[in-house]
């Protein structure tokens, strides 16, 4: 399970703790989007747990924490442009009159 989660893009270090009724996975995010990495790590852990063909599957808990050196991915800048008339358009699509952008 550790190898499957570690193969996820952005995941650096993984620890797995297996108990009788629960499997806990802790992963450290080195780069990339946190939500996407968490979902991909969860999918990989579920797939691996399913491949074990256990009679009663234990509960799965996956935690993804960013490393101290992790920087969140940049958010896209709001779209600003001009209309066909040459008027400026703001991020919400409203026409900004008298603005020199």
C-alpha atoms as a PDB file:
ATOM      1  CA  UNK A   1       0.000   0.000   0.000  1.00  0.00           C
ATOM      2  CA  UNK A   2       2.855   2.363   0.814  1.00  0.00           C
ATOM      3  CA  UNK A   3       4.351   1.950  -2.658  1.00  0.00           C
ATOM      4  CA  UNK A   4       1.010   2.523  -4.380  1.00  0.00           C
ATOM      5  CA  UNK A   5       0.342   5.763  -2.489  1.00  0.00           C
ATOM      6  CA  UNK A   6       3.956   6.924  -2.893  1.00  0.00           C
ATOM      7  CA  UNK A   7       3.583   6.556  -6.677  1.00  0.00           C
ATOM      8  CA  UNK A   8       0.962   9.335  -6.619  1.00  0.00           C
ATOM      9  CA  UNK A   9       2.158  12.610  -8.147  1.00  0.00           C
ATOM     10  CA  UNK A  10       3.193  15.129  -5.497  1.00  0.00           C
ATOM     11  CA  UNK A  11       3.415  12.622  -2.627  1.00  0.00           C
ATOM     12  CA  UNK A  12       6.849  12.401  -1.032  1.00  0.00           C
ATOM     13  CA  UNK A  13       6.842  10.279   2.142  1.00  0.00           C
ATOM     14  CA  UNK A  14       4.225   7.729   3.186  1.00  0.00           C
ATOM     15  CA  UNK A  15       3.669   5.791   6.387  1.00  0.00           C
ATOM     16  CA  UNK A  16       1.060   3.050   6.746  1.00  0.00           C
ATOM     17  CA  UNK A  17      -0.292   1.686  10.012  1.00  0.00           C
ATOM     18  CA  UNK A  18      -2.341  -1.512   9.824  1.00  0.00           C
ATOM     19  CA  UNK A  19      -4.516  -2.670  12.692  1.00  0.00           C
ATOM     20  CA  UNK A  20      -7.189  -5.293  12.958  1.00  0.00           C
ATOM     21  CA  UNK A  21     -10.090  -3.095  11.831  1.00  0.00           C
ATOM     22  CA  UNK A  22      -8.411  -0.017  10.395  1.00  0.00           C
ATOM     23  CA  UNK A  23      -5.671   1.028   7.992  1.00  0.00           C
ATOM     24  CA  UNK A  24      -4.243   4.526   8.465  1.00  0.00           C
ATOM     25  CA  UNK A  25      -2.148   6.116   5.715  1.00  0.00           C
ATOM     26  CA  UNK A  26      -0.183   9.329   6.269  1.00  0.00           C
ATOM     27  CA  UNK A  27       1.323  11.009   3.240  1.00  0.00           C
ATOM     28  CA  UNK A  28       3.373  14.192   2.895  1.00  0.00           C
ATOM     29  CA  UNK A  29       2.642  16.480  -0.038  1.00  0.00           C
ATOM     30  CA  UNK A  30       5.781  17.861  -1.678  1.00  0.00           C
ATOM     31  CA  UNK A  31       4.181  19.748  -4.588  1.00  0.00           C
ATOM     32  CA  UNK A  32       0.935  20.163  -6.469  1.00  0.00           C
ATOM     33  CA  UNK A  33      -2.703  20.591  -5.554  1.00  0.00           C
ATOM     34  CA  UNK A  34      -3.639  19.225  -2.131  1.00  0.00           C
ATOM     35  CA  UNK A  35      -7.192  18.116  -2.982  1.00  0.00           C
ATOM     36  CA  UNK A  36      -6.128  16.330  -6.160  1.00  0.00           C
ATOM     37  CA  UNK A  37      -3.254  14.548  -4.422  1.00  0.00           C
ATOM     38  CA  UNK A  38      -5.545  13.483  -1.564  1.00  0.00           C
ATOM     39  CA  UNK A  39      -8.112  12.013  -3.966  1.00  0.00           C
ATOM     40  CA  UNK A  40      -5.459  10.185  -6.033  1.00  0.00           C
ATOM     41  CA  UNK A  41      -3.821   8.792  -2.865  1.00  0.00           C
ATOM     42  CA  UNK A  42      -7.225   7.619  -1.608  1.00  0.00           C
ATOM     43  CA  UNK A  43      -7.945   5.891  -4.924  1.00  0.00           C
ATOM     44  CA  UNK A  44      -4.560   4.137  -4.870  1.00  0.00           C
ATOM     45  CA  UNK A  45      -5.066   2.955  -1.276  1.00  0.00           C
ATOM     46  CA  UNK A  46      -8.612   1.686  -2.004  1.00  0.00           C
ATOM     47  CA  UNK A  47      -7.421  -0.149  -5.100  1.00  0.00           C
ATOM     48  CA  UNK A  48      -4.586  -1.813  -3.170  1.00  0.00           C
ATOM     49  CA  UNK A  49      -6.882  -2.760  -0.309  1.00  0.00           C
ATOM     50  CA  UNK A  50      -9.341  -4.242  -2.804  1.00  0.00           C
ATOM     51  CA  UNK A  51      -6.567  -6.295  -4.414  1.00  0.00           C
ATOM     52  CA  UNK A  52      -5.917  -7.979  -1.051  1.00  0.00           C
ATOM     53  CA  UNK A  53      -9.264  -9.858  -1.329  1.00  0.00           C
ATOM     54  CA  UNK A  54      -9.873  -9.740   2.404  1.00  0.00           C
ATOM     55  CA  UNK A  55     -13.041 -11.249   3.799  1.00  0.00           C
ATOM     56  CA  UNK A  56     -13.811  -8.082   5.779  1.00  0.00           C
ATOM     57  CA  UNK A  57     -12.126  -4.960   4.471  1.00  0.00           C
ATOM     58  CA  UNK A  58     -10.787  -2.712   7.253  1.00  0.00           C
ATOM     59  CA  UNK A  59     -11.741   0.949   7.408  1.00  0.00           C
ATOM     60  CA  UNK A  60      -9.380   3.161   5.465  1.00  0.00           C
ATOM     61  CA  UNK A  61      -8.183   6.570   6.567  1.00  0.00           C
ATOM     62  CA  UNK A  62      -5.905   8.625   4.333  1.00  0.00           C
ATOM     63  CA  UNK A  63      -4.299  11.862   5.520  1.00  0.00           C
ATOM     64  CA  UNK A  64      -2.309  14.132   3.232  1.00  0.00           C
ATOM     65  CA  UNK A  65      -0.355  16.912   4.911  1.00  0.00           C
ATOM     66  CA  UNK A  66       1.822  19.450   3.127  1.00  0.00           C
ATOM     67  CA  UNK A  67       5.503  19.544   3.933  1.00  0.00           C
ATOM     68  CA  UNK A  68       6.883  22.798   5.397  1.00  0.00           C
ATOM     69  CA  UNK A  69       8.534  23.555   2.047  1.00  0.00           C
ATOM     70  CA  UNK A  70       5.275  23.062   0.096  1.00  0.00           C
ATOM     71  CA  UNK A  71       3.925  26.101  -1.738  1.00  0.00           C
ATOM     72  CA  UNK A  72       0.330  26.018  -2.942  1.00  0.00           C
ATOM     73  CA  UNK A  73      -0.041  26.116  -6.718  1.00  0.00           C
ATOM     74  CA  UNK A  74      -0.605  29.618  -8.088  1.00  0.00           C
ATOM     75  CA  UNK A  75      -4.200  30.627  -8.671  1.00  0.00           C
ATOM     76  CA  UNK A  76      -5.023  31.788 -12.171  1.00  0.00           C
ATOM     77  CA  UNK A  77      -5.271  35.560 -12.615  1.00  0.00           C
ATOM     78  CA  UNK A  78      -8.766  36.885 -13.273  1.00  0.00           C
ATOM     79  CA  UNK A  79      -9.546  37.428 -16.922  1.00  0.00           C
ATOM     80  CA  UNK A  80      -9.498  41.040 -17.988  1.00  0.00           C
ATOM     81  CA  UNK A  81      -9.870  42.038 -21.576  1.00  0.00           C
ATOM     82  CA  UNK A  82     -11.678  44.356 -23.921  1.00  0.00           C
ATOM     83  CA  UNK A  83     -15.000  44.181 -25.701  1.00  0.00           C
ATOM     84  CA  UNK A  84     -15.453  44.695 -29.414  1.00  0.00           C
ATOM     85  CA  UNK A  85     -16.057  48.397 -28.728  1.00  0.00           C
ATOM     86  CA  UNK A  86     -12.695  48.725 -26.980  1.00  0.00           C
ATOM     87  CA  UNK A  87     -14.209  48.956 -23.500  1.00  0.00           C
ATOM     88  CA  UNK A  88     -12.418  47.233 -20.613  1.00  0.00           C
ATOM     89  CA  UNK A  89     -14.009  44.132 -19.097  1.00  0.00           C
ATOM     90  CA  UNK A  90     -13.461  43.115 -15.448  1.00  0.00           C
ATOM     91  CA  UNK A  91     -13.124  39.610 -13.947  1.00  0.00           C
ATOM     92  CA  UNK A  92     -16.890  39.223 -13.546  1.00  0.00           C
ATOM     93  CA  UNK A  93     -17.569  40.186 -17.150  1.00  0.00           C
ATOM     94  CA  UNK A  94     -18.856  43.680 -16.340  1.00  0.00           C
ATOM     95  CA  UNK A  95     -17.859  46.543 -18.562  1.00  0.00           C
ATOM     96  CA  UNK A  96     -15.550  48.986 -16.819  1.00  0.00           C
ATOM     97  CA  UNK A  97     -16.134  52.456 -18.226  1.00  0.00           C
ATOM     98  CA  UNK A  98     -13.464  55.086 -17.969  1.00  0.00           C
ATOM     99  CA  UNK A  99     -10.802  52.568 -16.880  1.00  0.00           C
ATOM    100  CA  UNK A 100      -7.451  52.492 -18.636  1.00  0.00           C
ATOM    101  CA  UNK A 101      -6.152  48.967 -18.128  1.00  0.00           C
END
